[in-house]
């Protein structure tokens, strides 16, 4: 999986940062696709500066209904239709997302020429496509807000081809059946159980993308043991009380959570417009003093998961 940050500013855009939107490139050999997490104003413009085609976008996850996470959605939906894209799209979000989308389309005389499904979610598992699952966790914010944990399913272990050849199994289609854990019968009547020649299953990758939040009870469960945690760092340590009063987090709180959850990497985003490039580096240093494996997301930064 690959994360592409399309917008990293909190509340309002700046000259160098647009408001929140994160693209997840699934990069799976049998199921390619793009998922979008939040869609602030101007997200479709940001997409134009990447190599990604909106036609590959098949799921959008909205954390909450504040404008800096949502106001780019109607334009993206309409442009996708005007471009002749017919692939289905599903939107997941809190209560009210359906009314927002349907109202925006209705009063502007707009429509989509592709199947559009809108799923209003609550806390818990919201999706399992056979390759990965997505679970929503409630955040601490003035509006109903969710963070999303994306977990790939375990992958089959490697097939011991050398041992199979030694057992007289010819390479080819039979290997594929054995890799699937099936039992085959050879011409000499012997039965070979694929499970006997497979290494232990390999854990898939796990990713946590937080919505806007102050410290909350669900945070540790959302982030526990993930490879990558994406979390806001709206304000620095000296302004922590102000951040919390508005349902946001400081650098210290993001980094402390990453350490306690045992994540592989912390990526901070959603930084206040009060910080210029120098100020953003200060935010990064504050986080790294607590959790060294921290990176700062800028618009169009790409991270592997």
C-alpha atoms as a PDB file:
ATOM      1  CA  UNK A   1       0.000   0.000   0.000  1.00  0.00           C
ATOM      2  CA  UNK A   2       1.035   3.581  -0.637  1.00  0.00           C
ATOM      3  CA  UNK A   3      -0.168   6.844   0.941  1.00  0.00           C
ATOM      4  CA  UNK A   4      -0.286  10.068  -1.084  1.00  0.00           C
ATOM      5  CA  UNK A   5      -1.126  13.222   0.853  1.00  0.00           C
ATOM      6  CA  UNK A   6      -3.209  15.622  -1.242  1.00  0.00           C
ATOM      7  CA  UNK A   7      -3.910  18.108   1.550  1.00  0.00           C
ATOM      8  CA  UNK A   8      -2.238  18.601   4.926  1.00  0.00           C
ATOM      9  CA  UNK A   9      -3.492  21.925   6.323  1.00  0.00           C
ATOM     10  CA  UNK A  10      -5.924  22.312   9.221  1.00  0.00           C
ATOM     11  CA  UNK A  11      -9.081  24.355   8.704  1.00  0.00           C
ATOM     12  CA  UNK A  12      -8.059  26.523   5.767  1.00  0.00           C
ATOM     13  CA  UNK A  13      -5.667  26.138   2.842  1.00  0.00           C
ATOM     14  CA  UNK A  14      -2.361  27.977   2.695  1.00  0.00           C
ATOM     15  CA  UNK A  15      -0.093  28.802  -0.234  1.00  0.00           C
ATOM     16  CA  UNK A  16       1.724  25.499   0.226  1.00  0.00           C
ATOM     17  CA  UNK A  17      -0.868  23.234   1.853  1.00  0.00           C
ATOM     18  CA  UNK A  18      -4.408  22.384   0.810  1.00  0.00           C
ATOM     19  CA  UNK A  19      -7.012  21.121   3.265  1.00  0.00           C
ATOM     20  CA  UNK A  20      -7.312  17.474   4.217  1.00  0.00           C
ATOM     21  CA  UNK A  21      -7.334  14.627   1.699  1.00  0.00           C
ATOM     22  CA  UNK A  22      -5.300  11.420   1.708  1.00  0.00           C
ATOM     23  CA  UNK A  23      -5.120   8.944  -1.160  1.00  0.00           C
ATOM     24  CA  UNK A  24      -4.443   5.262  -0.474  1.00  0.00           C
ATOM     25  CA  UNK A  25      -3.095   3.312  -3.440  1.00  0.00           C
ATOM     26  CA  UNK A  26      -3.895  -0.329  -2.718  1.00  0.00           C
ATOM     27  CA  UNK A  27      -1.215  -1.693  -5.085  1.00  0.00           C
ATOM     28  CA  UNK A  28      -2.592  -5.239  -4.982  1.00  0.00           C
ATOM     29  CA  UNK A  29      -1.753  -7.592  -7.877  1.00  0.00           C
ATOM     30  CA  UNK A  30      -5.328  -8.902  -8.155  1.00  0.00           C
ATOM     31  CA  UNK A  31      -7.313  -5.871  -6.992  1.00  0.00           C
ATOM     32  CA  UNK A  32      -5.871  -2.480  -7.833  1.00  0.00           C
ATOM     33  CA  UNK A  33      -7.712   0.618  -6.788  1.00  0.00           C
ATOM     34  CA  UNK A  34      -7.643   3.917  -4.956  1.00  0.00           C
ATOM     35  CA  UNK A  35      -9.306   4.878  -1.702  1.00  0.00           C
ATOM     36  CA  UNK A  36      -9.682   8.490  -0.615  1.00  0.00           C
ATOM     37  CA  UNK A  37      -9.793   9.550   3.015  1.00  0.00           C
ATOM     38  CA  UNK A  38     -11.517  12.928   3.374  1.00  0.00           C
ATOM     39  CA  UNK A  39     -12.104  15.342   0.545  1.00  0.00           C
ATOM     40  CA  UNK A  40     -11.504  18.957   1.480  1.00  0.00           C
ATOM     41  CA  UNK A  41     -12.116  21.834  -0.902  1.00  0.00           C
ATOM     42  CA  UNK A  42      -9.879  21.623  -3.978  1.00  0.00           C
ATOM     43  CA  UNK A  43      -9.125  17.913  -3.703  1.00  0.00           C
ATOM     44  CA  UNK A  44      -9.910  17.317  -7.383  1.00  0.00           C
ATOM     45  CA  UNK A  45      -7.393  20.051  -8.284  1.00  0.00           C
ATOM     46  CA  UNK A  46      -4.761  18.285  -6.187  1.00  0.00           C
ATOM     47  CA  UNK A  47      -5.501  15.015  -7.975  1.00  0.00           C
ATOM     48  CA  UNK A  48      -4.681  16.702 -11.286  1.00  0.00           C
ATOM     49  CA  UNK A  49      -1.107  17.148 -10.047  1.00  0.00           C
ATOM     50  CA  UNK A  50      -0.686  13.399  -9.593  1.00  0.00           C
ATOM     51  CA  UNK A  51      -0.541  10.460 -11.991  1.00  0.00           C
ATOM     52  CA  UNK A  52      -3.742   8.970 -10.588  1.00  0.00           C
ATOM     53  CA  UNK A  53      -6.972   8.659 -12.547  1.00  0.00           C
ATOM     54  CA  UNK A  54     -10.201   9.407 -10.627  1.00  0.00           C
ATOM     55  CA  UNK A  55     -11.703   6.460 -12.497  1.00  0.00           C
ATOM     56  CA  UNK A  56      -9.613   4.165 -10.305  1.00  0.00           C
ATOM     57  CA  UNK A  57     -11.180   5.713  -7.208  1.00  0.00           C
ATOM     58  CA  UNK A  58     -13.763   3.283  -5.876  1.00  0.00           C
ATOM     59  CA  UNK A  59     -14.155   4.190  -2.189  1.00  0.00           C
ATOM     60  CA  UNK A  60     -14.198   7.457  -0.245  1.00  0.00           C
ATOM     61  CA  UNK A  61     -14.092   7.550   3.550  1.00  0.00           C
ATOM     62  CA  UNK A  62     -15.168  10.798   5.223  1.00  0.00           C
ATOM     63  CA  UNK A  63     -14.094  11.243   8.851  1.00  0.00           C
ATOM     64  CA  UNK A  64     -16.594  13.990   9.712  1.00  0.00           C
ATOM     65  CA  UNK A  65     -18.653  16.738   8.143  1.00  0.00           C
ATOM     66  CA  UNK A  66     -16.532  19.823   8.819  1.00  0.00           C
ATOM     67  CA  UNK A  67     -15.939  21.661   5.563  1.00  0.00           C
ATOM     68  CA  UNK A  68     -12.172  21.287   5.427  1.00  0.00           C
ATOM     69  CA  UNK A  69     -12.720  17.527   5.175  1.00  0.00           C
ATOM     70  CA  UNK A  70     -15.819  17.538   2.977  1.00  0.00           C
ATOM     71  CA  UNK A  71     -16.401  20.545   0.721  1.00  0.00           C
ATOM     72  CA  UNK A  72     -14.426  19.078  -2.189  1.00  0.00           C
ATOM     73  CA  UNK A  73     -16.727  16.083  -2.472  1.00  0.00           C
ATOM     74  CA  UNK A  74     -19.564  17.426  -4.703  1.00  0.00           C
ATOM     75  CA  UNK A  75     -17.128  18.778  -7.272  1.00  0.00           C
ATOM     76  CA  UNK A  76     -15.159  15.551  -7.391  1.00  0.00           C
ATOM     77  CA  UNK A  77     -18.322  13.482  -7.832  1.00  0.00           C
ATOM     78  CA  UNK A  78     -19.555  15.676 -10.689  1.00  0.00           C
ATOM     79  CA  UNK A  79     -16.199  15.884 -12.467  1.00  0.00           C
ATOM     80  CA  UNK A  80     -15.875  12.126 -12.265  1.00  0.00           C
ATOM     81  CA  UNK A  81     -19.206  11.832 -14.079  1.00  0.00           C
ATOM     82  CA  UNK A  82     -18.418  14.534 -16.652  1.00  0.00           C
ATOM     83  CA  UNK A  83     -15.212  12.666 -17.522  1.00  0.00           C
ATOM     84  CA  UNK A  84     -17.279   9.692 -18.643  1.00  0.00           C
ATOM     85  CA  UNK A  85     -16.268   7.477 -15.738  1.00  0.00           C
ATOM     86  CA  UNK A  86     -18.805   4.701 -15.170  1.00  0.00           C
ATOM     87  CA  UNK A  87     -17.071   2.650 -12.476  1.00  0.00           C
ATOM     88  CA  UNK A  88     -19.112   2.417  -9.239  1.00  0.00           C
ATOM     89  CA  UNK A  89     -18.163   4.508  -6.211  1.00  0.00           C
ATOM     90  CA  UNK A  90     -19.000   3.996  -2.538  1.00  0.00           C
ATOM     91  CA  UNK A  91     -18.857   6.755   0.079  1.00  0.00           C
ATOM     92  CA  UNK A  92     -18.584   5.930   3.776  1.00  0.00           C
ATOM     93  CA  UNK A  93     -19.168   8.579   6.413  1.00  0.00           C
ATOM     94  CA  UNK A  94     -21.056   9.622   9.548  1.00  0.00           C
ATOM     95  CA  UNK A  95     -24.749  10.395   9.811  1.00  0.00           C
ATOM     96  CA  UNK A  96     -25.574  13.294   7.493  1.00  0.00           C
ATOM     97  CA  UNK A  97     -23.221  12.391   4.653  1.00  0.00           C
ATOM     98  CA  UNK A  98     -26.102  11.092   2.536  1.00  0.00           C
ATOM     99  CA  UNK A  99     -28.146  14.269   3.035  1.00  0.00           C
ATOM    100  CA  UNK A 100     -25.120  16.435   2.224  1.00  0.00           C
ATOM    101  CA  UNK A 101     -24.336  14.654  -1.048  1.00  0.00           C
ATOM    102  CA  UNK A 102     -27.935  14.320  -2.211  1.00  0.00           C
ATOM    103  CA  UNK A 103     -28.726  17.957  -1.370  1.00  0.00           C
ATOM    104  CA  UNK A 104     -25.615  19.281  -3.114  1.00  0.00           C
ATOM    105  CA  UNK A 105     -26.440  17.312  -6.262  1.00  0.00           C
ATOM    106  CA  UNK A 106     -30.148  18.177  -6.207  1.00  0.00           C
ATOM    107  CA  UNK A 107     -29.964  21.937  -5.704  1.00  0.00           C
ATOM    108  CA  UNK A 108     -27.165  22.288  -8.262  1.00  0.00           C
ATOM    109  CA  UNK A 109     -29.016  20.241 -10.870  1.00  0.00           C
ATOM    110  CA  UNK A 110     -26.211  17.683 -10.920  1.00  0.00           C
ATOM    111  CA  UNK A 111     -26.116  13.908 -11.117  1.00  0.00           C
ATOM    112  CA  UNK A 112     -23.735  11.004 -11.520  1.00  0.00           C
ATOM    113  CA  UNK A 113     -23.673   8.654 -14.498  1.00  0.00           C
ATOM    114  CA  UNK A 114     -22.148   5.874 -12.414  1.00  0.00           C
ATOM    115  CA  UNK A 115     -23.560   3.819  -9.524  1.00  0.00           C
ATOM    116  CA  UNK A 116     -23.083   5.805  -6.306  1.00  0.00           C
ATOM    117  CA  UNK A 117     -23.622   4.136  -2.940  1.00  0.00           C
ATOM    118  CA  UNK A 118     -23.589   6.120   0.304  1.00  0.00           C
ATOM    119  CA  UNK A 119     -23.094   4.216   3.562  1.00  0.00           C
ATOM    120  CA  UNK A 120     -23.700   6.022   6.848  1.00  0.00           C
ATOM    121  CA  UNK A 121     -21.537   4.318   9.441  1.00  0.00           C
ATOM    122  CA  UNK A 122     -21.184   3.853  13.163  1.00  0.00           C
ATOM    123  CA  UNK A 123     -18.328   2.450  15.210  1.00  0.00           C
ATOM    124  CA  UNK A 124     -17.201  -1.062  14.267  1.00  0.00           C
ATOM    125  CA  UNK A 125     -16.235  -3.003  11.156  1.00  0.00           C
ATOM    126  CA  UNK A 126     -17.642  -1.285   8.077  1.00  0.00           C
ATOM    127  CA  UNK A 127     -15.995  -3.176   5.219  1.00  0.00           C
ATOM    128  CA  UNK A 128     -14.349  -6.498   4.380  1.00  0.00           C
ATOM    129  CA  UNK A 129     -13.579  -7.021   0.703  1.00  0.00           C
ATOM    130  CA  UNK A 130     -11.836 -10.351   1.154  1.00  0.00           C
ATOM    131  CA  UNK A 131      -8.359  -8.837   1.044  1.00  0.00           C
ATOM    132  CA  UNK A 132      -8.598  -6.303   3.858  1.00  0.00           C
ATOM    133  CA  UNK A 133     -11.037  -4.951   6.394  1.00  0.00           C
ATOM    134  CA  UNK A 134     -11.801  -1.438   7.604  1.00  0.00           C
ATOM    135  CA  UNK A 135     -12.942  -0.640  11.129  1.00  0.00           C
ATOM    136  CA  UNK A 136     -14.236   2.760  12.272  1.00  0.00           C
ATOM    137  CA  UNK A 137     -13.397   4.145  15.718  1.00  0.00           C
ATOM    138  CA  UNK A 138     -15.085   7.172  17.347  1.00  0.00           C
ATOM    139  CA  UNK A 139     -12.941  10.271  17.796  1.00  0.00           C
ATOM    140  CA  UNK A 140     -13.136  13.154  20.293  1.00  0.00           C
ATOM    141  CA  UNK A 141     -14.388  16.096  18.224  1.00  0.00           C
ATOM    142  CA  UNK A 142     -17.331  18.557  18.259  1.00  0.00           C
ATOM    143  CA  UNK A 143     -18.978  16.690  15.358  1.00  0.00           C
ATOM    144  CA  UNK A 144     -19.438  12.939  15.021  1.00  0.00           C
ATOM    145  CA  UNK A 145     -16.041  11.845  13.760  1.00  0.00           C
ATOM    146  CA  UNK A 146     -14.269   8.581  12.992  1.00  0.00           C
ATOM    147  CA  UNK A 147     -10.778   7.272  12.500  1.00  0.00           C
ATOM    148  CA  UNK A 148     -10.211   4.286  10.238  1.00  0.00           C
ATOM    149  CA  UNK A 149      -8.069   1.190  10.772  1.00  0.00           C
ATOM    150  CA  UNK A 150      -7.226  -0.643   7.546  1.00  0.00           C
ATOM    151  CA  UNK A 151      -5.900  -4.185   7.984  1.00  0.00           C
ATOM    152  CA  UNK A 152      -4.823  -6.550   5.242  1.00  0.00           C
ATOM    153  CA  UNK A 153      -5.767 -10.179   5.832  1.00  0.00           C
ATOM    154  CA  UNK A 154      -3.050 -12.724   6.466  1.00  0.00           C
ATOM    155  CA  UNK A 155      -1.370 -13.899   3.281  1.00  0.00           C
ATOM    156  CA  UNK A 156      -0.525 -17.573   2.541  1.00  0.00           C
ATOM    157  CA  UNK A 157       2.995 -18.611   3.434  1.00  0.00           C
ATOM    158  CA  UNK A 158       5.553 -19.488   0.773  1.00  0.00           C
ATOM    159  CA  UNK A 159       5.263 -22.855  -0.937  1.00  0.00           C
ATOM    160  CA  UNK A 160       8.265 -25.156  -0.419  1.00  0.00           C
ATOM    161  CA  UNK A 161       8.863 -25.895  -4.089  1.00  0.00           C
ATOM    162  CA  UNK A 162      12.114 -27.762  -3.444  1.00  0.00           C
ATOM    163  CA  UNK A 163      10.428 -30.237  -1.092  1.00  0.00           C
ATOM    164  CA  UNK A 164       7.586 -30.763  -3.555  1.00  0.00           C
ATOM    165  CA  UNK A 165       9.989 -31.517  -6.390  1.00  0.00           C
ATOM    166  CA  UNK A 166      11.769 -33.979  -4.115  1.00  0.00           C
ATOM    167  CA  UNK A 167       8.392 -35.635  -3.474  1.00  0.00           C
ATOM    168  CA  UNK A 168       7.903 -36.041  -7.212  1.00  0.00           C
ATOM    169  CA  UNK A 169       5.383 -33.275  -7.803  1.00  0.00           C
ATOM    170  CA  UNK A 170       5.934 -31.700 -11.231  1.00  0.00           C
ATOM    171  CA  UNK A 171       6.004 -27.869 -11.330  1.00  0.00           C
ATOM    172  CA  UNK A 172       3.012 -26.238 -12.959  1.00  0.00           C
ATOM    173  CA  UNK A 173      -0.714 -26.041 -12.269  1.00  0.00           C
ATOM    174  CA  UNK A 174      -0.491 -28.495  -9.362  1.00  0.00           C
ATOM    175  CA  UNK A 175       1.731 -26.042  -7.500  1.00  0.00           C
ATOM    176  CA  UNK A 176      -1.016 -23.423  -7.676  1.00  0.00           C
ATOM    177  CA  UNK A 177      -3.540 -25.817  -6.163  1.00  0.00           C
ATOM    178  CA  UNK A 178      -1.130 -26.741  -3.393  1.00  0.00           C
ATOM    179  CA  UNK A 179      -0.381 -23.078  -2.683  1.00  0.00           C
ATOM    180  CA  UNK A 180      -4.119 -22.639  -2.148  1.00  0.00           C
ATOM    181  CA  UNK A 181      -3.910 -25.323   0.547  1.00  0.00           C
ATOM    182  CA  UNK A 182      -5.675 -27.985  -1.494  1.00  0.00           C
ATOM    183  CA  UNK A 183      -4.927 -31.702  -1.524  1.00  0.00           C
ATOM    184  CA  UNK A 184      -3.989 -33.259  -4.871  1.00  0.00           C
ATOM    185  CA  UNK A 185      -3.561 -36.839  -6.077  1.00  0.00           C
ATOM    186  CA  UNK A 186      -0.544 -37.824  -8.138  1.00  0.00           C
ATOM    187  CA  UNK A 187      -0.620 -40.356 -10.953  1.00  0.00           C
ATOM    188  CA  UNK A 188       0.920 -42.966  -8.657  1.00  0.00           C
ATOM    189  CA  UNK A 189      -2.013 -42.604  -6.259  1.00  0.00           C
ATOM    190  CA  UNK A 190      -0.231 -40.612  -3.569  1.00  0.00           C
ATOM    191  CA  UNK A 191      -2.100 -37.703  -1.973  1.00  0.00           C
ATOM    192  CA  UNK A 192      -0.211 -34.490  -1.331  1.00  0.00           C
ATOM    193  CA  UNK A 193      -1.670 -31.975   1.119  1.00  0.00           C
ATOM    194  CA  UNK A 194      -0.674 -28.422   0.257  1.00  0.00           C
ATOM    195  CA  UNK A 195      -0.859 -27.351   3.901  1.00  0.00           C
ATOM    196  CA  UNK A 196       2.109 -29.641   4.633  1.00  0.00           C
ATOM    197  CA  UNK A 197       4.300 -27.637   2.255  1.00  0.00           C
ATOM    198  CA  UNK A 198       3.283 -24.099   3.164  1.00  0.00           C
ATOM    199  CA  UNK A 199       5.170 -21.825   5.530  1.00  0.00           C
ATOM    200  CA  UNK A 200       3.235 -20.004   8.247  1.00  0.00           C
ATOM    201  CA  UNK A 201       0.805 -17.317   7.016  1.00  0.00           C
ATOM    202  CA  UNK A 202       2.311 -13.841   6.677  1.00  0.00           C
ATOM    203  CA  UNK A 203       0.591 -10.973   8.510  1.00  0.00           C
ATOM    204  CA  UNK A 204      -0.713  -8.231   6.232  1.00  0.00           C
ATOM    205  CA  UNK A 205      -0.004  -4.552   6.670  1.00  0.00           C
ATOM    206  CA  UNK A 206      -2.053  -2.400   9.042  1.00  0.00           C
ATOM    207  CA  UNK A 207      -2.692   1.332   8.833  1.00  0.00           C
ATOM    208  CA  UNK A 208      -4.490   3.790  11.125  1.00  0.00           C
ATOM    209  CA  UNK A 209      -5.825   7.072   9.716  1.00  0.00           C
ATOM    210  CA  UNK A 210      -7.187   9.298  12.457  1.00  0.00           C
ATOM    211  CA  UNK A 211      -9.892  11.869  11.954  1.00  0.00           C
ATOM    212  CA  UNK A 212      -9.724  15.165  13.825  1.00  0.00           C
ATOM    213  CA  UNK A 213      -9.481  14.369  17.514  1.00  0.00           C
ATOM    214  CA  UNK A 214      -8.374  15.295  20.963  1.00  0.00           C
ATOM    215  CA  UNK A 215      -7.200  12.515  23.279  1.00  0.00           C
ATOM    216  CA  UNK A 216      -9.857   9.778  23.249  1.00  0.00           C
ATOM    217  CA  UNK A 217     -10.587   6.344  24.678  1.00  0.00           C
ATOM    218  CA  UNK A 218     -10.590   4.605  21.291  1.00  0.00           C
ATOM    219  CA  UNK A 219      -7.213   5.926  20.149  1.00  0.00           C
ATOM    220  CA  UNK A 220      -5.079   3.093  21.503  1.00  0.00           C
ATOM    221  CA  UNK A 221      -7.308   0.386  20.009  1.00  0.00           C
ATOM    222  CA  UNK A 222      -7.302   2.158  16.652  1.00  0.00           C
ATOM    223  CA  UNK A 223      -3.524   2.493  16.519  1.00  0.00           C
ATOM    224  CA  UNK A 224      -2.290  -0.598  18.379  1.00  0.00           C
ATOM    225  CA  UNK A 225       0.593  -2.216  16.509  1.00  0.00           C
ATOM    226  CA  UNK A 226      -0.065  -0.691  13.088  1.00  0.00           C
ATOM    227  CA  UNK A 227       2.738  -0.275  10.586  1.00  0.00           C
ATOM    228  CA  UNK A 228       1.805   3.359   9.926  1.00  0.00           C
ATOM    229  CA  UNK A 229      -0.279   5.771  11.985  1.00  0.00           C
ATOM    230  CA  UNK A 230      -1.521   9.026  10.429  1.00  0.00           C
ATOM    231  CA  UNK A 231      -2.465  11.554  13.096  1.00  0.00           C
ATOM    232  CA  UNK A 232      -3.069  15.262  13.323  1.00  0.00           C
ATOM    233  CA  UNK A 233      -0.528  17.530  15.020  1.00  0.00           C
ATOM    234  CA  UNK A 234      -2.522  20.730  14.757  1.00  0.00           C
ATOM    235  CA  UNK A 235      -0.644  22.733  17.384  1.00  0.00           C
ATOM    236  CA  UNK A 236       2.618  22.573  19.300  1.00  0.00           C
ATOM    237  CA  UNK A 237       3.091  21.600  22.940  1.00  0.00           C
ATOM    238  CA  UNK A 238       2.669  25.142  24.267  1.00  0.00           C
ATOM    239  CA  UNK A 239      -0.822  25.323  22.726  1.00  0.00           C
ATOM    240  CA  UNK A 240      -2.019  21.888  23.802  1.00  0.00           C
ATOM    241  CA  UNK A 241      -4.895  23.157  25.953  1.00  0.00           C
ATOM    242  CA  UNK A 242      -6.198  25.263  23.062  1.00  0.00           C
ATOM    243  CA  UNK A 243      -5.968  22.296  20.701  1.00  0.00           C
ATOM    244  CA  UNK A 244      -7.878  20.032  23.081  1.00  0.00           C
ATOM    245  CA  UNK A 245     -10.590  22.626  23.689  1.00  0.00           C
ATOM    246  CA  UNK A 246     -11.399  22.465  19.973  1.00  0.00           C
ATOM    247  CA  UNK A 247     -11.214  18.695  19.585  1.00  0.00           C
ATOM    248  CA  UNK A 248      -7.648  18.604  18.299  1.00  0.00           C
ATOM    249  CA  UNK A 249      -4.280  17.245  19.425  1.00  0.00           C
ATOM    250  CA  UNK A 250      -0.809  18.589  20.027  1.00  0.00           C
ATOM    251  CA  UNK A 251       2.473  17.203  18.760  1.00  0.00           C
ATOM    252  CA  UNK A 252       3.178  15.707  22.185  1.00  0.00           C
ATOM    253  CA  UNK A 253      -0.130  13.878  22.273  1.00  0.00           C
ATOM    254  CA  UNK A 254       0.277  12.427  18.783  1.00  0.00           C
ATOM    255  CA  UNK A 255       3.821  11.226  19.462  1.00  0.00           C
ATOM    256  CA  UNK A 256       3.000   9.831  22.905  1.00  0.00           C
ATOM    257  CA  UNK A 257       0.129   7.828  21.441  1.00  0.00           C
ATOM    258  CA  UNK A 258       2.400   6.450  18.713  1.00  0.00           C
ATOM    259  CA  UNK A 259       4.900   5.313  21.342  1.00  0.00           C
ATOM    260  CA  UNK A 260       2.259   3.745  23.587  1.00  0.00           C
ATOM    261  CA  UNK A 261       0.567   1.978  20.669  1.00  0.00           C
ATOM    262  CA  UNK A 262       3.836   0.514  19.394  1.00  0.00           C
ATOM    263  CA  UNK A 263       3.373   1.704  15.826  1.00  0.00           C
ATOM    264  CA  UNK A 264       6.035   1.371  13.174  1.00  0.00           C
ATOM    265  CA  UNK A 265       5.859   4.938  11.888  1.00  0.00           C
ATOM    266  CA  UNK A 266       3.965   8.117  12.772  1.00  0.00           C
ATOM    267  CA  UNK A 267       3.025  10.557  10.014  1.00  0.00           C
ATOM    268  CA  UNK A 268       1.790  13.922  11.259  1.00  0.00           C
ATOM    269  CA  UNK A 269      -0.569  16.084   9.224  1.00  0.00           C
ATOM    270  CA  UNK A 270      -3.413  18.620   9.648  1.00  0.00           C
ATOM    271  CA  UNK A 271      -1.076  21.384  10.817  1.00  0.00           C
ATOM    272  CA  UNK A 272      -2.379  24.822  11.694  1.00  0.00           C
ATOM    273  CA  UNK A 273      -1.993  27.576   9.110  1.00  0.00           C
ATOM    274  CA  UNK A 274      -0.099  29.587  11.740  1.00  0.00           C
ATOM    275  CA  UNK A 275       3.014  27.500  11.007  1.00  0.00           C
ATOM    276  CA  UNK A 276       5.278  28.278   8.064  1.00  0.00           C
ATOM    277  CA  UNK A 277       7.878  25.785   6.840  1.00  0.00           C
ATOM    278  CA  UNK A 278      10.169  26.599   9.750  1.00  0.00           C
ATOM    279  CA  UNK A 279       7.306  26.212  12.200  1.00  0.00           C
ATOM    280  CA  UNK A 280       6.361  22.850  10.709  1.00  0.00           C
ATOM    281  CA  UNK A 281       9.902  21.617  11.233  1.00  0.00           C
ATOM    282  CA  UNK A 282       9.523  22.657  14.874  1.00  0.00           C
ATOM    283  CA  UNK A 283       6.401  20.475  15.105  1.00  0.00           C
ATOM    284  CA  UNK A 284       8.361  17.581  13.633  1.00  0.00           C
ATOM    285  CA  UNK A 285      11.195  18.019  16.140  1.00  0.00           C
ATOM    286  CA  UNK A 286       8.734  18.033  19.035  1.00  0.00           C
ATOM    287  CA  UNK A 287       7.297  14.723  17.855  1.00  0.00           C
ATOM    288  CA  UNK A 288      10.676  13.130  17.194  1.00  0.00           C
ATOM    289  CA  UNK A 289      11.861  14.012  20.696  1.00  0.00           C
ATOM    290  CA  UNK A 290       9.195  11.580  21.941  1.00  0.00           C
ATOM    291  CA  UNK A 291       8.810   9.187  19.000  1.00  0.00           C
ATOM    292  CA  UNK A 292      11.827   9.290  16.649  1.00  0.00           C
ATOM    293  CA  UNK A 293      10.118   7.400  13.795  1.00  0.00           C
ATOM    294  CA  UNK A 294       7.980  10.421  12.907  1.00  0.00           C
ATOM    295  CA  UNK A 295       7.566  11.990   9.478  1.00  0.00           C
ATOM    296  CA  UNK A 296       5.865  15.239   8.473  1.00  0.00           C
ATOM    297  CA  UNK A 297       3.401  15.038   5.598  1.00  0.00           C
ATOM    298  CA  UNK A 298       3.529  17.798   3.006  1.00  0.00           C
ATOM    299  CA  UNK A 299       1.180  18.062   0.053  1.00  0.00           C
ATOM    300  CA  UNK A 300       2.062  15.348  -2.498  1.00  0.00           C
ATOM    301  CA  UNK A 301       4.389  13.507  -0.116  1.00  0.00           C
ATOM    302  CA  UNK A 302       4.286   9.748  -0.760  1.00  0.00           C
ATOM    303  CA  UNK A 303       4.839   7.111   1.928  1.00  0.00           C
ATOM    304  CA  UNK A 304       4.972   3.341   1.595  1.00  0.00           C
ATOM    305  CA  UNK A 305       3.041   1.334   4.168  1.00  0.00           C
END
